[in-house]
Amino acid sequence: MATLPAGLTDPEKHCVASASIVQRCSRLEAWLAGWGKEVQDAFGDGDASWDDLAANRIGRRCASTGDGTDALIECCRQALAAPVH
C-alpha cells in the first residue's frame, strides 16, 4: 500500500501506516518512522501527539493479523475503540 485509503481518522492512519511498515520492513523501522514523524511535528508545523504514538504502537501489533488493507483497518478500528486499561 503506497497511500492510505480515504476516509480514515488520524489515529487510524497512524495505526494502518505503522502496521504496513512492519509488514514491508520491520517493527524497528515502523517504530523509527512513527517517532521520527512526531519529532518532526514537534519541531515543525505539525501537531506532535502521544495519541499518535499510541496508535502507532497498536498498528505494530495489528501487523500480525495478516495481509490485506481491510484486515489492518479492522484490527486498528477495534483496538482504537477498546477502552484503555
PDB file of N, CA and C in Angstrom:
ATOM      1  N   MET A   1       0.855  -1.159   0.000  1.00  0.00           N
ATOM      2  CA  MET A   1       0.000   0.000   0.000  1.00  0.00           C
ATOM      3  C   MET A   1       0.908   1.231   0.000  1.00  0.00           C
ATOM      4  N   ALA A   2       0.895   1.979  -1.073  1.00  0.00           N
ATOM      5  CA  ALA A   2       1.723   3.175  -1.177  1.00  0.00           C
ATOM      6  C   ALA A   2       1.045   4.373  -0.524  1.00  0.00           C
ATOM      7  N   THR A   3      -0.268   4.420  -0.582  1.00  0.00           N
ATOM      8  CA  THR A   3      -1.017   5.501   0.051  1.00  0.00           C
ATOM      9  C   THR A   3      -2.096   4.889   0.939  1.00  0.00           C
ATOM     10  N   LEU A   4      -2.531   5.654   1.896  1.00  0.00           N
ATOM     11  CA  LEU A   4      -3.575   5.183   2.807  1.00  0.00           C
ATOM     12  C   LEU A   4      -4.943   5.362   2.166  1.00  0.00           C
ATOM     13  N   PRO A   5      -5.874   4.468   2.462  1.00  0.00           N
ATOM     14  CA  PRO A   5      -7.221   4.617   1.925  1.00  0.00           C
ATOM     15  C   PRO A   5      -7.884   5.898   2.432  1.00  0.00           C
ATOM     16  N   ALA A   6      -8.768   6.443   1.643  1.00  0.00           N
ATOM     17  CA  ALA A   6      -9.506   7.646   2.032  1.00  0.00           C
ATOM     18  C   ALA A   6     -10.484   7.303   3.149  1.00  0.00           C
ATOM     19  N   GLY A   7     -10.820   8.298   3.942  1.00  0.00           N
ATOM     20  CA  GLY A   7     -11.850   8.151   4.959  1.00  0.00           C
ATOM     21  C   GLY A   7     -11.376   7.667   6.313  1.00  0.00           C
ATOM     22  N   LEU A   8     -10.074   7.494   6.501  1.00  0.00           N
ATOM     23  CA  LEU A   8      -9.566   7.063   7.802  1.00  0.00           C
ATOM     24  C   LEU A   8      -9.408   8.260   8.735  1.00  0.00           C
ATOM     25  N   THR A   9      -9.652   8.029  10.016  1.00  0.00           N
ATOM     26  CA  THR A   9      -9.380   9.068  11.008  1.00  0.00           C
ATOM     27  C   THR A   9      -7.862   9.191  11.185  1.00  0.00           C
ATOM     28  N   ASP A  10      -7.419  10.238  11.860  1.00  0.00           N
ATOM     29  CA  ASP A  10      -5.975  10.394  12.079  1.00  0.00           C
ATOM     30  C   ASP A  10      -5.383   9.215  12.852  1.00  0.00           C
ATOM     31  N   PRO A  11      -6.002   8.767  13.957  1.00  0.00           N
ATOM     32  CA  PRO A  11      -5.438   7.606  14.646  1.00  0.00           C
ATOM     33  C   PRO A  11      -5.414   6.355  13.760  1.00  0.00           C
ATOM     34  N   GLU A  12      -6.455   6.167  12.953  1.00  0.00           N
ATOM     35  CA  GLU A  12      -6.474   5.024  12.036  1.00  0.00           C
ATOM     36  C   GLU A  12      -5.344   5.113  11.015  1.00  0.00           C
ATOM     37  N   LYS A  13      -5.061   6.306  10.535  1.00  0.00           N
ATOM     38  CA  LYS A  13      -3.954   6.491   9.579  1.00  0.00           C
ATOM     39  C   LYS A  13      -2.629   6.086  10.216  1.00  0.00           C
ATOM     40  N   HIS A  14      -2.405   6.538  11.443  1.00  0.00           N
ATOM     41  CA  HIS A  14      -1.165   6.180  12.144  1.00  0.00           C
ATOM     42  C   HIS A  14      -1.078   4.671  12.333  1.00  0.00           C
ATOM     43  N   CYS A  15      -2.171   4.070  12.753  1.00  0.00           N
ATOM     44  CA  CYS A  15      -2.211   2.640  13.023  1.00  0.00           C
ATOM     45  C   CYS A  15      -1.945   1.825  11.756  1.00  0.00           C
ATOM     46  N   VAL A  16      -2.672   2.114  10.693  1.00  0.00           N
ATOM     47  CA  VAL A  16      -2.539   1.357   9.447  1.00  0.00           C
ATOM     48  C   VAL A  16      -1.160   1.578   8.824  1.00  0.00           C
ATOM     49  N   ALA A  17      -0.666   2.804   8.873  1.00  0.00           N
ATOM     50  CA  ALA A  17       0.666   3.077   8.317  1.00  0.00           C
ATOM     51  C   ALA A  17       1.735   2.291   9.064  1.00  0.00           C
ATOM     52  N   SER A  18       1.669   2.283  10.385  1.00  0.00           N
ATOM     53  CA  SER A  18       2.658   1.533  11.171  1.00  0.00           C
ATOM     54  C   SER A  18       2.578   0.039  10.888  1.00  0.00           C
ATOM     55  N   ALA A  19       1.361  -0.482  10.806  1.00  0.00           N
ATOM     56  CA  ALA A  19       1.187  -1.909  10.505  1.00  0.00           C
ATOM     57  C   ALA A  19       1.770  -2.239   9.134  1.00  0.00           C
ATOM     58  N   SER A  20       1.534  -1.385   8.179  1.00  0.00           N
ATOM     59  CA  SER A  20       2.046  -1.611   6.818  1.00  0.00           C
ATOM     60  C   SER A  20       3.569  -1.580   6.788  1.00  0.00           C
ATOM     61  N   ILE A  21       4.165  -0.672   7.549  1.00  0.00           N
ATOM     62  CA  ILE A  21       5.630  -0.602   7.594  1.00  0.00           C
ATOM     63  C   ILE A  21       6.197  -1.877   8.203  1.00  0.00           C
ATOM     64  N   VAL A  22       5.570  -2.378   9.267  1.00  0.00           N
ATOM     65  CA  VAL A  22       6.030  -3.628   9.864  1.00  0.00           C
ATOM     66  C   VAL A  22       5.977  -4.756   8.839  1.00  0.00           C
ATOM     67  N   GLN A  23       4.883  -4.842   8.100  1.00  0.00           N
ATOM     68  CA  GLN A  23       4.725  -5.927   7.133  1.00  0.00           C
ATOM     69  C   GLN A  23       5.728  -5.838   5.987  1.00  0.00           C
ATOM     70  N   ARG A  24       6.138  -4.649   5.632  1.00  0.00           N
ATOM     71  CA  ARG A  24       7.044  -4.484   4.497  1.00  0.00           C
ATOM     72  C   ARG A  24       8.510  -4.353   4.917  1.00  0.00           C
ATOM     73  N   CYS A  25       8.724  -3.916   6.146  1.00  0.00           N
ATOM     74  CA  CYS A  25      10.095  -3.663   6.613  1.00  0.00           C
ATOM     75  C   CYS A  25      10.335  -4.424   7.914  1.00  0.00           C
ATOM     76  N   SER A  26      10.182  -3.745   9.036  1.00  0.00           N
ATOM     77  CA  SER A  26      10.378  -4.382  10.344  1.00  0.00           C
ATOM     78  C   SER A  26       9.696  -3.556  11.427  1.00  0.00           C
ATOM     79  N   ARG A  27       9.565  -4.157  12.606  1.00  0.00           N
ATOM     80  CA  ARG A  27       8.983  -3.436  13.748  1.00  0.00           C
ATOM     81  C   ARG A  27       9.853  -2.236  14.121  1.00  0.00           C
ATOM     82  N   LEU A  28      11.167  -2.420  14.071  1.00  0.00           N
ATOM     83  CA  LEU A  28      12.075  -1.321  14.403  1.00  0.00           C
ATOM     84  C   LEU A  28      11.892  -0.155  13.440  1.00  0.00           C
ATOM     85  N   GLU A  29      11.810  -0.448  12.166  1.00  0.00           N
ATOM     86  CA  GLU A  29      11.648   0.637  11.190  1.00  0.00           C
ATOM     87  C   GLU A  29      10.302   1.339  11.346  1.00  0.00           C
ATOM     88  N   ALA A  30       9.268   0.594  11.705  1.00  0.00           N
ATOM     89  CA  ALA A  30       7.963   1.212  11.967  1.00  0.00           C
ATOM     90  C   ALA A  30       8.038   2.114  13.192  1.00  0.00           C
ATOM     91  N   TRP A  31       8.732   1.642  14.234  1.00  0.00           N
ATOM     92  CA  TRP A  31       8.904   2.452  15.449  1.00  0.00           C
ATOM     93  C   TRP A  31       9.673   3.737  15.119  1.00  0.00           C
ATOM     94  N   LEU A  32      10.747   3.598  14.370  1.00  0.00           N
ATOM     95  CA  LEU A  32      11.552   4.769  13.990  1.00  0.00           C
ATOM     96  C   LEU A  32      10.751   5.762  13.158  1.00  0.00           C
ATOM     97  N   ALA A  33       9.971   5.250  12.221  1.00  0.00           N
ATOM     98  CA  ALA A  33       9.158   6.135  11.371  1.00  0.00           C
ATOM     99  C   ALA A  33       8.126   6.890  12.203  1.00  0.00           C
ATOM    100  N   GLY A  34       7.489   6.191  13.129  1.00  0.00           N
ATOM    101  CA  GLY A  34       6.479   6.832  13.973  1.00  0.00           C
ATOM    102  C   GLY A  34       7.069   7.915  14.859  1.00  0.00           C
ATOM    103  N   TRP A  35       8.167   7.589  15.528  1.00  0.00           N
ATOM    104  CA  TRP A  35       8.814   8.583  16.386  1.00  0.00           C
ATOM    105  C   TRP A  35       9.403   9.719  15.552  1.00  0.00           C
ATOM    106  N   GLY A  36       9.962   9.383  14.398  1.00  0.00           N
ATOM    107  CA  GLY A  36      10.515  10.420  13.522  1.00  0.00           C
ATOM    108  C   GLY A  36       9.454  11.416  13.095  1.00  0.00           C
ATOM    109  N   LYS A  37       8.271  10.918  12.774  1.00  0.00           N
ATOM    110  CA  LYS A  37       7.162  11.790  12.373  1.00  0.00           C
ATOM    111  C   LYS A  37       6.761  12.709  13.520  1.00  0.00           C
ATOM    112  N   GLU A  38       6.690  12.185  14.726  1.00  0.00           N
ATOM    113  CA  GLU A  38       6.290  13.014  15.860  1.00  0.00           C
ATOM    114  C   GLU A  38       7.361  14.038  16.233  1.00  0.00           C
ATOM    115  N   VAL A  39       8.618  13.668  16.122  1.00  0.00           N
ATOM    116  CA  VAL A  39       9.705  14.637  16.371  1.00  0.00           C
ATOM    117  C   VAL A  39       9.652  15.741  15.319  1.00  0.00           C
ATOM    118  N   GLN A  40       9.432  15.361  14.077  1.00  0.00           N
ATOM    119  CA  GLN A  40       9.303  16.356  13.005  1.00  0.00           C
ATOM    120  C   GLN A  40       8.128  17.293  13.304  1.00  0.00           C
ATOM    121  N   ASP A  41       6.998  16.725  13.751  1.00  0.00           N
ATOM    122  CA  ASP A  41       5.836  17.556  14.099  1.00  0.00           C
ATOM    123  C   ASP A  41       6.157  18.493  15.258  1.00  0.00           C
ATOM    124  N   ALA A  42       6.911  18.000  16.246  1.00  0.00           N
ATOM    125  CA  ALA A  42       7.228  18.805  17.432  1.00  0.00           C
ATOM    126  C   ALA A  42       8.083  20.022  17.088  1.00  0.00           C
ATOM    127  N   PHE A  43       8.967  19.863  16.119  1.00  0.00           N
ATOM    128  CA  PHE A  43       9.868  20.955  15.769  1.00  0.00           C
ATOM    129  C   PHE A  43       9.482  21.664  14.483  1.00  0.00           C
ATOM    130  N   GLY A  44       8.408  21.233  13.874  1.00  0.00           N
ATOM    131  CA  GLY A  44       7.948  21.847  12.627  1.00  0.00           C
ATOM    132  C   GLY A  44       6.557  22.422  12.803  1.00  0.00           C
ATOM    133  N   ASP A  45       5.803  22.382  11.735  1.00  0.00           N
ATOM    134  CA  ASP A  45       4.458  22.944  11.739  1.00  0.00           C
ATOM    135  C   ASP A  45       3.382  21.923  12.113  1.00  0.00           C
ATOM    136  N   GLY A  46       3.797  20.711  12.465  1.00  0.00           N
ATOM    137  CA  GLY A  46       2.835  19.660  12.778  1.00  0.00           C
ATOM    138  C   GLY A  46       2.316  19.744  14.198  1.00  0.00           C
ATOM    139  N   ASP A  47       1.570  18.737  14.571  1.00  0.00           N
ATOM    140  CA  ASP A  47       0.958  18.662  15.892  1.00  0.00           C
ATOM    141  C   ASP A  47       1.389  17.348  16.546  1.00  0.00           C
ATOM    142  N   ALA A  48       2.507  17.370  17.260  1.00  0.00           N
ATOM    143  CA  ALA A  48       3.015  16.167  17.914  1.00  0.00           C
ATOM    144  C   ALA A  48       2.016  15.692  18.968  1.00  0.00           C
ATOM    145  N   SER A  49       1.865  14.361  19.066  1.00  0.00           N
ATOM    146  CA  SER A  49       0.829  13.841  19.945  1.00  0.00           C
ATOM    147  C   SER A  49       1.208  12.474  20.504  1.00  0.00           C
ATOM    148  N   TRP A  50       0.991  12.305  21.815  1.00  0.00           N
ATOM    149  CA  TRP A  50       1.177  10.995  22.431  1.00  0.00           C
ATOM    150  C   TRP A  50       0.152  10.014  21.892  1.00  0.00           C
ATOM    151  N   ASP A  51      -1.051  10.519  21.553  1.00  0.00           N
ATOM    152  CA  ASP A  51      -2.089   9.653  20.998  1.00  0.00           C
ATOM    153  C   ASP A  51      -1.651   9.049  19.665  1.00  0.00           C
ATOM    154  N   ASP A  52      -0.918   9.818  18.872  1.00  0.00           N
ATOM    155  CA  ASP A  52      -0.401   9.295  17.604  1.00  0.00           C
ATOM    156  C   ASP A  52       0.584   8.162  17.859  1.00  0.00           C
ATOM    157  N   LEU A  53       1.439   8.330  18.856  1.00  0.00           N
ATOM    158  CA  LEU A  53       2.395   7.270  19.189  1.00  0.00           C
ATOM    159  C   LEU A  53       1.673   6.016  19.689  1.00  0.00           C
ATOM    160  N   ALA A  54       0.586   6.201  20.435  1.00  0.00           N
ATOM    161  CA  ALA A  54      -0.199   5.057  20.900  1.00  0.00           C
ATOM    162  C   ALA A  54      -0.846   4.334  19.715  1.00  0.00           C
ATOM    163  N   ALA A  55      -1.352   5.090  18.754  1.00  0.00           N
ATOM    164  CA  ALA A  55      -1.946   4.481  17.555  1.00  0.00           C
ATOM    165  C   ALA A  55      -0.883   3.744  16.745  1.00  0.00           C
ATOM    166  N   ASN A  56       0.320   4.292  16.692  1.00  0.00           N
ATOM    167  CA  ASN A  56       1.421   3.610  16.004  1.00  0.00           C
ATOM    168  C   ASN A  56       1.716   2.273  16.678  1.00  0.00           C
ATOM    169  N   ARG A  57       1.728   2.257  18.004  1.00  0.00           N
ATOM    170  CA  ARG A  57       2.000   1.033  18.756  1.00  0.00           C
ATOM    171  C   ARG A  57       0.925  -0.023  18.456  1.00  0.00           C
ATOM    172  N   ILE A  58      -0.317   0.390  18.412  1.00  0.00           N
ATOM    173  CA  ILE A  58      -1.409  -0.526  18.070  1.00  0.00           C
ATOM    174  C   ILE A  58      -1.187  -1.075  16.660  1.00  0.00           C
ATOM    175  N   GLY A  59      -0.784  -0.219  15.754  1.00  0.00           N
ATOM    176  CA  GLY A  59      -0.535  -0.662  14.381  1.00  0.00           C
ATOM    177  C   GLY A  59       0.554  -1.711  14.302  1.00  0.00           C
ATOM    178  N   ARG A  60       1.603  -1.540  15.088  1.00  0.00           N
ATOM    179  CA  ARG A  60       2.678  -2.535  15.085  1.00  0.00           C
ATOM    180  C   ARG A  60       2.155  -3.883  15.569  1.00  0.00           C
ATOM    181  N   ARG A  61       1.216  -3.856  16.501  1.00  0.00           N
ATOM    182  CA  ARG A  61       0.606  -5.105  16.970  1.00  0.00           C
ATOM    183  C   ARG A  61      -0.330  -5.686  15.909  1.00  0.00           C
ATOM    184  N   CYS A  62      -1.073  -4.838  15.223  1.00  0.00           N
ATOM    185  CA  CYS A  62      -2.036  -5.293  14.214  1.00  0.00           C
ATOM    186  C   CYS A  62      -1.350  -5.879  12.976  1.00  0.00           C
ATOM    187  N   ALA A  63      -0.090  -5.606  12.807  1.00  0.00           N
ATOM    188  CA  ALA A  63       0.621  -6.093  11.618  1.00  0.00           C
ATOM    189  C   ALA A  63       0.570  -7.606  11.500  1.00  0.00           C
ATOM    190  N   SER A  64       0.414  -8.300  12.605  1.00  0.00           N
ATOM    191  CA  SER A  64       0.403  -9.762  12.576  1.00  0.00           C
ATOM    192  C   SER A  64      -0.961 -10.346  12.234  1.00  0.00           C
ATOM    193  N   THR A  65      -1.965  -9.510  11.993  1.00  0.00           N
ATOM    194  CA  THR A  65      -3.318 -10.012  11.710  1.00  0.00           C
ATOM    195  C   THR A  65      -3.429 -10.617  10.320  1.00  0.00           C
ATOM    196  N   GLY A  66      -2.451 -10.412   9.498  1.00  0.00           N
ATOM    197  CA  GLY A  66      -2.493 -10.969   8.150  1.00  0.00           C
ATOM    198  C   GLY A  66      -2.360  -9.887   7.110  1.00  0.00           C
ATOM    199  N   ASP A  67      -2.271 -10.346   5.895  1.00  0.00           N
ATOM    200  CA  ASP A  67      -2.124  -9.401   4.795  1.00  0.00           C
ATOM    201  C   ASP A  67      -3.474  -8.793   4.442  1.00  0.00           C
ATOM    202  N   GLY A  68      -3.410  -7.688   3.799  1.00  0.00           N
ATOM    203  CA  GLY A  68      -4.618  -7.046   3.322  1.00  0.00           C
ATOM    204  C   GLY A  68      -4.962  -5.802   4.112  1.00  0.00           C
ATOM    205  N   THR A  69      -5.220  -4.766   3.379  1.00  0.00           N
ATOM    206  CA  THR A  69      -5.551  -3.478   3.992  1.00  0.00           C
ATOM    207  C   THR A  69      -6.804  -3.567   4.836  1.00  0.00           C
ATOM    208  N   ASP A  70      -7.809  -4.292   4.356  1.00  0.00           N
ATOM    209  CA  ASP A  70      -9.070  -4.384   5.105  1.00  0.00           C
ATOM    210  C   ASP A  70      -8.859  -5.018   6.481  1.00  0.00           C
ATOM    211  N   ALA A  71      -8.013  -6.046   6.549  1.00  0.00           N
ATOM    212  CA  ALA A  71      -7.736  -6.702   7.839  1.00  0.00           C
ATOM    213  C   ALA A  71      -7.019  -5.744   8.787  1.00  0.00           C
ATOM    214  N   LEU A  72      -6.095  -4.966   8.255  1.00  0.00           N
ATOM    215  CA  LEU A  72      -5.381  -3.988   9.091  1.00  0.00           C
ATOM    216  C   LEU A  72      -6.332  -2.911   9.606  1.00  0.00           C
ATOM    217  N   ILE A  73      -7.170  -2.409   8.724  1.00  0.00           N
ATOM    218  CA  ILE A  73      -8.121  -1.364   9.130  1.00  0.00           C
ATOM    219  C   ILE A  73      -9.051  -1.893  10.214  1.00  0.00           C
ATOM    220  N   GLU A  74      -9.563  -3.097  10.043  1.00  0.00           N
ATOM    221  CA  GLU A  74     -10.472  -3.674  11.035  1.00  0.00           C
ATOM    222  C   GLU A  74      -9.784  -3.861  12.376  1.00  0.00           C
ATOM    223  N   CYS A  75      -8.568  -4.378  12.367  1.00  0.00           N
ATOM    224  CA  CYS A  75      -7.816  -4.546  13.613  1.00  0.00           C
ATOM    225  C   CYS A  75      -7.595  -3.200  14.290  1.00  0.00           C
ATOM    226  N   CYS A  76      -7.185  -2.207  13.511  1.00  0.00           N
ATOM    227  CA  CYS A  76      -6.942  -0.877  14.070  1.00  0.00           C
ATOM    228  C   CYS A  76      -8.210  -0.280  14.655  1.00  0.00           C
ATOM    229  N   ARG A  77      -9.313  -0.391  13.933  1.00  0.00           N
ATOM    230  CA  ARG A  77     -10.565   0.189  14.428  1.00  0.00           C
ATOM    231  C   ARG A  77     -11.003  -0.465  15.728  1.00  0.00           C
ATOM    232  N   GLN A  78     -10.905  -1.778  15.796  1.00  0.00           N
ATOM    233  CA  GLN A  78     -11.300  -2.472  17.022  1.00  0.00           C
ATOM    234  C   GLN A  78     -10.393  -2.099  18.192  1.00  0.00           C
ATOM    235  N   ALA A  79      -9.086  -2.081  17.942  1.00  0.00           N
ATOM    236  CA  ALA A  79      -8.132  -1.774  19.019  1.00  0.00           C
ATOM    237  C   ALA A  79      -8.244  -0.331  19.475  1.00  0.00           C
ATOM    238  N   LEU A  80      -8.452   0.584  18.547  1.00  0.00           N
ATOM    239  CA  LEU A  80      -8.571   2.001  18.908  1.00  0.00           C
ATOM    240  C   LEU A  80      -9.866   2.286  19.662  1.00  0.00           C
ATOM    241  N   ALA A  81     -10.904   1.488  19.412  1.00  0.00           N
ATOM    242  CA  ALA A  81     -12.188   1.692  20.087  1.00  0.00           C
ATOM    243  C   ALA A  81     -12.212   1.050  21.467  1.00  0.00           C
ATOM    244  N   ALA A  82     -11.289   0.139  21.732  1.00  0.00           N
ATOM    245  CA  ALA A  82     -11.283  -0.568  23.017  1.00  0.00           C
ATOM    246  C   ALA A  82     -10.882   0.390  24.138  1.00  0.00           C
ATOM    247  N   PRO A  83     -11.490   0.210  25.308  1.00  0.00           N
ATOM    248  CA  PRO A  83     -11.109   1.061  26.448  1.00  0.00           C
ATOM    249  C   PRO A  83      -9.661   0.781  26.861  1.00  0.00           C
ATOM    250  N   VAL A  84      -8.995   1.792  27.312  1.00  0.00           N
ATOM    251  CA  VAL A  84      -7.603   1.668  27.753  1.00  0.00           C
ATOM    252  C   VAL A  84      -7.591   1.134  29.170  1.00  0.00           C
ATOM    253  N   HIS A  85      -6.765   0.144  29.426  1.00  0.00           N
ATOM    254  CA  HIS A  85      -6.684  -0.450  30.774  1.00  0.00           C
ATOM    255  C   HIS A  85      -5.374  -0.082  31.396  1.00  0.00           C
TER     256      HIS A  85
END
